[in-house]
Amino acid sequence: MQIYLRPTPGPIQPIRPLGVGAPSVIRSWIAVGPAPASIHRFTRRLPLKIYRTETGLCAEANGEFRVLAGGLDLDPLFASADPADFAATAYARGRPAAAPTRLLAPLQSQEVWAAGVTYLRSRVARVAESKDAGGAAFYDKVYEAARPELFFKATPHRVAEPGGIVRIRADSRWNVPEPELVLALNSRGAIFGYAIGNDMSSRDIEAENPLYLPQAKVYDRSAALGPCLLVRSAPLEPSTEISIVIRRAGQAVFSGATSIDRIKRSFPELASYLYRSNRFPHGCYLMTGTGVVPPDAFTLQVGDEVAITIAAIGTLTNVVGLSD
């Protein structure tokens, strides 16, 4: 069967027969003009994985990669009132592309913030590490308090890309990665997507005094983000698992996993507190805390490989280096 489309006035243009999947529909329409409402609605329902590369943005839906139309970058997406619709339109009007091989962190002007002590496992670890310094009560109380712990984590230049180097502080003896689900928030504070985050932490510095948290958390390459920005209209399933494997000289030296249904606070709650008396014209990312903490005897070493996986998003892999 031959399909004919007339996107604009003029002669009818024959195109190749359509396949049965969404990508074929999109391919056929792109050949002749802008996406019609029906195809746009179909595309909007598909989760989009947006990857940032040195040449721009490309996205993948249902196995098909496309360069997003219009030279789109992430600031306009995060500033949009409806980023899912914005991304679906750019994808539907884009052109086919190969899967990207070298990725940048999926952010442009976005700040990265973080929530702390959102999982019971995190509370237990923070209380234990800060007991001698007299700070244990603070972490115990914030877990139960109405107001969550929120802190600034990184500007874009401090964020490591997928496959890049995350750093441990030269003045710290006890360093760990913290695998986290990261919320993508638009300029209005609405959650429209997700990424994987690594919140690198110097536990001995934070344990010495809770007021040292900015030094334990915020330094060059103290965060990693990726491998993509997953844009989807529906929330992630509560059973979504976050897993981590740390390899040293090719051998696994630590692994662990948790699920997001073990978090104490809802994601909209965390987002709403972050946007109180605060403006983000280009949106932001919010790390949601960790439920996987290595044992106290463990510390990262230079050359370790950290791989964090959330099945719906992918795997974020980084190598550990030493800060200057």
Protein backbone atom coordinates (compact mmCIF):
# COMPACT_ATOMS: atom_id res chain seq x y z
CA MET A 1 0.00 0.00 0.00
CA GLN A 2 1.30 3.46 -0.91
CA ILE A 3 0.63 6.35 1.53
CA TYR A 4 0.19 9.95 0.32
CA LEU A 5 0.58 12.99 2.56
CA ARG A 6 -0.09 16.64 1.83
CA PRO A 7 1.58 18.67 4.66
CA THR A 8 1.46 21.99 2.76
CA PRO A 9 -0.42 23.27 -0.30
CA GLY A 10 0.89 21.83 -3.51
CA PRO A 11 0.98 18.53 -5.36
CA ILE A 12 0.52 15.32 -3.45
CA GLN A 13 3.89 13.69 -2.73
CA PRO A 14 4.15 9.88 -2.68
CA ILE A 15 6.49 8.42 -0.08
CA ARG A 16 7.57 4.91 0.74
CA PRO A 17 5.17 2.58 2.53
CA LEU A 18 4.96 2.98 6.27
CA GLY A 19 6.15 0.30 8.67
CA VAL A 20 4.33 -0.86 11.76
CA GLY A 21 6.35 1.02 14.41
CA ALA A 22 6.51 4.63 15.46
CA PRO A 23 9.95 5.26 13.92
CA SER A 24 8.64 4.39 10.44
CA VAL A 25 5.77 6.81 10.88
CA ILE A 26 8.17 9.53 11.90
CA ARG A 27 10.60 8.73 9.08
CA SER A 28 7.88 8.89 6.46
CA TRP A 29 6.49 12.18 7.68
CA ILE A 30 9.86 13.89 8.04
CA ALA A 31 10.47 13.22 4.36
CA VAL A 32 7.68 15.60 3.37
CA GLY A 33 7.16 18.17 6.11
CA PRO A 34 6.32 19.00 9.70
CA ALA A 35 4.86 16.34 11.96
CA PRO A 36 1.05 16.19 12.01
CA ALA A 37 -0.86 16.24 15.29
CA SER A 38 -1.40 12.49 15.33
CA ILE A 39 2.28 11.65 14.89
CA HIS A 40 3.30 14.33 17.37
CA ARG A 41 0.97 12.85 19.98
CA PHE A 42 2.42 9.40 19.34
CA THR A 43 5.98 10.71 19.68
CA ARG A 44 5.12 12.58 22.87
CA ARG A 45 4.09 9.33 24.54
CA LEU A 46 7.48 7.75 23.83
CA PRO A 47 10.25 8.19 26.41
CA LEU A 48 13.01 10.25 24.79
CA LYS A 49 16.65 9.84 25.73
CA ILE A 50 18.43 13.08 24.93
CA TYR A 51 22.22 12.95 24.54
CA ARG A 52 24.50 15.98 24.44
CA THR A 53 27.50 15.75 22.14
CA GLU A 54 30.17 18.11 20.85
CA THR A 55 28.05 18.70 17.74
CA GLY A 56 24.72 19.23 19.53
CA LEU A 57 21.79 17.24 20.83
CA CYS A 58 20.49 13.96 19.52
CA ALA A 59 17.71 11.85 20.93
CA GLU A 60 16.64 8.23 20.83
CA ALA A 61 13.09 6.89 20.88
CA ASN A 62 12.25 3.25 20.40
CA GLY A 63 15.74 2.53 19.08
CA GLU A 64 15.91 5.33 16.51
CA PHE A 65 18.35 8.23 16.91
CA ARG A 66 17.69 11.71 15.52
CA VAL A 67 19.47 15.04 15.60
CA LEU A 68 17.00 17.43 17.20
CA ALA A 69 15.66 20.02 14.78
CA GLY A 70 16.60 23.68 14.93
CA GLY A 71 20.02 23.30 16.55
CA LEU A 72 18.28 22.90 19.91
CA ASP A 73 20.34 22.99 23.09
CA LEU A 74 19.24 22.29 26.64
CA ASP A 75 18.57 25.81 27.97
CA PRO A 76 15.44 26.33 25.81
CA LEU A 77 14.22 22.85 26.74
CA PHE A 78 14.54 23.50 30.48
CA ALA A 79 12.96 26.95 30.10
CA SER A 80 9.94 25.55 28.26
CA ALA A 81 6.57 25.33 30.00
CA ASP A 82 6.17 21.83 28.52
CA PRO A 83 9.61 20.29 27.92
CA ALA A 84 8.17 16.90 26.92
CA ASP A 85 6.14 18.48 24.13
CA PHE A 86 9.08 20.69 23.16
CA ALA A 87 11.42 17.71 22.89
CA ALA A 88 8.89 15.55 21.03
CA THR A 89 8.42 18.27 18.41
CA ALA A 90 12.16 18.71 17.91
CA TYR A 91 12.61 14.95 17.63
CA ALA A 92 9.77 14.48 15.16
CA ARG A 93 11.18 17.22 12.93
CA GLY A 94 14.78 16.10 13.27
CA ARG A 95 16.90 14.03 10.92
CA PRO A 96 18.18 10.47 11.35
CA ALA A 97 21.54 10.06 13.03
CA ALA A 98 23.89 7.36 14.22
CA ALA A 99 24.11 6.54 17.90
CA PRO A 100 26.53 8.97 19.57
CA THR A 101 29.87 7.61 20.73
CA ARG A 102 31.34 10.48 22.75
CA LEU A 103 29.01 12.13 25.22
CA LEU A 104 29.02 15.34 27.23
CA ALA A 105 27.17 15.77 30.49
CA PRO A 106 23.51 16.53 29.63
CA LEU A 107 23.46 20.11 30.89
CA GLN A 108 24.15 23.58 29.53
CA SER A 109 23.56 26.37 32.09
CA GLN A 110 21.80 24.21 34.67
CA GLU A 111 23.02 24.15 38.26
CA VAL A 112 23.10 20.83 40.09
CA TRP A 113 21.59 20.69 43.58
CA ALA A 114 21.24 17.74 45.93
CA ALA A 115 19.04 16.39 48.69
CA GLY A 116 20.58 14.63 51.66
CA VAL A 117 19.47 12.01 54.18
CA THR A 118 16.46 10.96 52.14
CA TYR A 119 17.01 7.21 52.59
CA LEU A 120 17.20 5.40 55.93
CA ARG A 121 20.56 3.89 54.93
CA SER A 122 21.94 7.39 54.43
CA ARG A 123 20.70 8.51 57.83
CA VAL A 124 22.36 5.53 59.53
CA ALA A 125 25.67 6.23 57.77
CA ARG A 126 25.65 9.98 58.48
CA VAL A 127 24.78 9.46 62.14
CA ALA A 128 27.57 6.91 62.59
CA GLU A 129 30.27 8.93 60.84
CA SER A 130 29.52 12.18 62.70
CA LYS A 131 28.98 10.73 66.18
CA ASP A 132 32.41 11.65 67.54
CA ALA A 133 32.07 15.22 66.29
CA GLY A 134 28.69 15.61 67.98
CA GLY A 135 26.81 16.04 64.71
CA ALA A 136 24.82 12.83 64.77
CA ALA A 137 21.67 14.49 66.09
CA PHE A 138 21.50 16.85 63.12
CA TYR A 139 21.24 14.01 60.60
CA ASP A 140 18.80 12.11 62.78
CA LYS A 141 16.54 15.14 63.05
CA VAL A 142 16.62 16.15 59.38
CA TYR A 143 15.44 12.69 58.33
CA GLU A 144 12.26 13.21 60.36
CA ALA A 145 11.87 16.95 59.84
CA ALA A 146 9.29 18.54 57.58
CA ARG A 147 11.97 20.52 55.74
CA PRO A 148 14.45 18.39 53.76
CA GLU A 149 18.19 18.90 53.58
CA LEU A 150 19.03 20.60 50.27
CA PHE A 151 22.43 21.86 49.23
CA PHE A 152 24.19 23.25 46.20
CA LYS A 153 26.32 20.63 44.45
CA ALA A 154 27.87 21.87 41.21
CA THR A 155 27.99 24.40 38.43
CA PRO A 156 28.20 22.92 34.91
CA HIS A 157 31.99 23.16 34.67
CA ARG A 158 32.38 21.04 37.81
CA VAL A 159 30.34 18.15 36.38
CA ALA A 160 32.09 15.18 34.78
CA GLU A 161 30.79 13.74 31.53
CA PRO A 162 29.99 10.06 30.93
CA GLY A 163 33.29 8.22 30.67
CA GLY A 164 35.16 11.17 32.16
CA ILE A 165 37.10 11.60 35.38
CA VAL A 166 35.47 12.23 38.76
CA ARG A 167 37.85 13.39 41.44
CA ILE A 168 38.62 12.73 45.07
CA ARG A 169 40.06 15.50 47.21
CA ALA A 170 43.79 15.45 47.85
CA ASP A 171 43.18 16.49 51.47
CA SER A 172 40.69 13.68 52.21
CA ARG A 173 41.34 10.10 53.32
CA TRP A 174 37.80 8.67 53.04
CA ASN A 175 35.98 9.15 49.73
CA VAL A 176 32.95 7.43 48.29
CA PRO A 177 30.62 7.75 45.32
CA GLU A 178 26.91 8.19 45.97
CA PRO A 179 24.67 6.74 43.21
CA GLU A 180 21.52 8.81 42.80
CA LEU A 181 18.49 9.37 40.64
CA VAL A 182 18.52 12.96 39.43
CA LEU A 183 15.41 15.00 38.65
CA ALA A 184 15.32 17.39 35.70
CA LEU A 185 13.27 20.45 36.66
CA ASN A 186 12.13 23.12 34.24
CA SER A 187 12.14 26.84 35.05
CA ARG A 188 8.76 26.45 36.79
CA GLY A 189 9.93 23.63 39.03
CA ALA A 190 8.06 20.85 37.21
CA ILE A 191 9.71 17.43 36.96
CA PHE A 192 9.97 16.47 33.30
CA GLY A 193 12.89 14.07 33.15
CA TYR A 194 15.59 12.07 34.87
CA ALA A 195 19.31 11.35 34.75
CA ILE A 196 21.84 9.31 36.71
CA GLY A 197 24.09 11.17 39.12
CA ASN A 198 27.24 10.45 41.09
CA ASP A 199 27.51 12.67 44.18
CA MET A 200 31.18 12.29 45.12
CA SER A 201 31.69 12.78 48.86
CA SER A 202 34.60 13.14 51.27
CA ARG A 203 33.13 11.41 54.31
CA ASP A 204 35.95 12.21 56.71
CA ILE A 205 35.65 15.95 56.06
CA GLU A 206 31.89 15.98 56.56
CA ALA A 207 32.24 13.73 59.62
CA GLU A 208 34.69 16.12 61.25
CA ASN A 209 32.08 18.88 61.31
CA PRO A 210 28.70 19.13 59.53
CA LEU A 211 29.55 22.73 58.63
CA TYR A 212 32.30 21.36 56.39
CA LEU A 213 29.70 19.81 54.07
CA PRO A 214 30.36 22.31 51.22
CA GLN A 215 34.04 21.31 51.25
CA ALA A 216 33.15 17.62 51.36
CA LYS A 217 30.70 17.93 48.49
CA VAL A 218 31.61 20.86 46.23
CA TYR A 219 34.90 20.85 44.33
CA ASP A 220 36.13 20.33 40.80
CA ARG A 221 34.66 17.17 39.23
CA SER A 222 32.76 16.32 42.41
CA ALA A 223 29.74 15.26 40.37
CA ALA A 224 28.97 13.22 37.28
CA LEU A 225 25.75 13.29 35.26
CA GLY A 226 24.44 11.20 32.39
CA PRO A 227 24.54 9.24 30.26
CA CYS A 228 21.46 11.03 28.95
CA LEU A 229 18.45 13.06 29.97
CA LEU A 230 15.41 10.80 29.94
CA VAL A 231 12.28 12.82 29.13
CA ARG A 232 9.00 11.08 29.86
CA SER A 233 5.49 12.19 30.73
CA ALA A 234 4.91 9.47 33.34
CA PRO A 235 6.88 9.15 36.59
CA LEU A 236 9.34 6.32 36.97
CA GLU A 237 7.95 3.15 38.50
CA PRO A 238 8.46 2.97 42.30
CA SER A 239 10.33 -0.31 41.87
CA THR A 240 13.00 1.39 39.74
CA GLU A 241 16.40 0.12 40.90
CA ILE A 242 19.61 2.11 41.32
CA SER A 243 22.70 -0.11 41.31
CA ILE A 244 26.43 0.55 41.53
CA VAL A 245 29.58 -1.47 40.86
CA ILE A 246 33.07 -0.20 41.72
CA ARG A 247 35.93 -1.99 39.97
CA ARG A 248 39.61 -1.82 40.85
CA ALA A 249 42.10 -3.26 38.40
CA GLY A 250 39.17 -4.91 36.65
CA GLN A 251 37.81 -6.62 39.77
CA ALA A 252 34.60 -5.63 41.56
CA VAL A 253 35.46 -4.33 45.05
CA PHE A 254 31.99 -3.07 45.95
CA SER A 255 28.47 -3.41 44.61
CA GLY A 256 25.05 -2.50 45.93
CA ALA A 257 21.54 -1.57 44.94
CA THR A 258 18.39 0.09 46.20
CA SER A 259 15.03 1.13 44.74
CA ILE A 260 13.42 4.54 44.66
CA ASP A 261 10.39 3.37 46.64
CA ARG A 262 12.67 3.35 49.70
CA ILE A 263 13.10 7.10 49.65
CA LYS A 264 11.33 8.90 52.51
CA ARG A 265 10.21 12.00 50.62
CA SER A 266 8.32 12.39 47.36
CA PHE A 267 10.09 13.91 44.39
CA PRO A 268 7.54 16.75 43.99
CA GLU A 269 8.11 17.59 47.67
CA LEU A 270 11.86 17.90 47.17
CA ALA A 271 11.37 20.00 44.05
CA SER A 272 8.90 22.33 45.73
CA TYR A 273 11.29 23.08 48.62
CA LEU A 274 14.14 23.80 46.20
CA TYR A 275 12.05 26.36 44.32
CA ARG A 276 10.91 28.20 47.42
CA SER A 277 12.27 31.77 47.25
CA ASN A 278 14.59 30.57 44.49
CA ARG A 279 14.61 31.13 40.73
CA PHE A 280 16.11 28.93 38.03
CA PRO A 281 15.60 30.65 34.64
CA HIS A 282 17.26 27.71 32.87
CA GLY A 283 15.86 25.03 35.17
CA CYS A 284 18.14 22.78 37.20
CA TYR A 285 18.99 19.24 38.21
CA LEU A 286 18.24 17.87 41.67
CA MET A 287 20.01 14.77 43.02
CA THR A 288 17.60 12.90 45.27
CA GLY A 289 19.95 11.24 47.76
CA THR A 290 21.56 7.84 48.06
CA GLY A 291 20.42 4.57 49.57
CA VAL A 292 23.68 2.73 48.82
CA VAL A 293 26.64 3.42 51.11
CA PRO A 294 29.88 1.38 51.06
CA PRO A 295 31.16 0.02 54.39
CA ASP A 296 33.24 2.32 56.57
CA ALA A 297 36.45 0.49 55.70
CA PHE A 298 36.04 1.31 52.00
CA THR A 299 37.49 4.33 50.25
CA LEU A 300 37.94 5.11 46.58
CA GLN A 301 41.37 4.96 44.97
CA VAL A 302 42.72 6.66 41.88
CA GLY A 303 41.94 4.52 38.86
CA ASP A 304 38.77 2.96 40.26
CA GLU A 305 35.88 2.63 37.81
CA VAL A 306 32.43 3.58 39.08
CA ALA A 307 29.42 2.32 37.11
CA ILE A 308 25.91 3.36 38.15
CA THR A 309 22.90 1.83 36.41
CA ILE A 310 19.22 2.72 36.25
CA ALA A 311 17.70 0.49 33.58
CA ALA A 312 15.30 3.08 32.16
CA ILE A 313 18.15 5.57 31.70
CA GLY A 314 21.31 3.54 31.11
CA THR A 315 24.69 3.28 32.82
CA LEU A 316 26.89 6.17 33.92
CA THR A 317 30.54 5.13 34.07
CA ASN A 318 33.43 7.27 35.34
CA VAL A 319 37.04 6.79 36.38
CA VAL A 320 38.40 8.20 39.64
CA GLY A 321 41.19 10.75 39.58
CA LEU A 322 42.88 12.98 42.18
CA SER A 323 42.07 16.68 42.53
CA ASP A 324 44.83 19.23 42.07
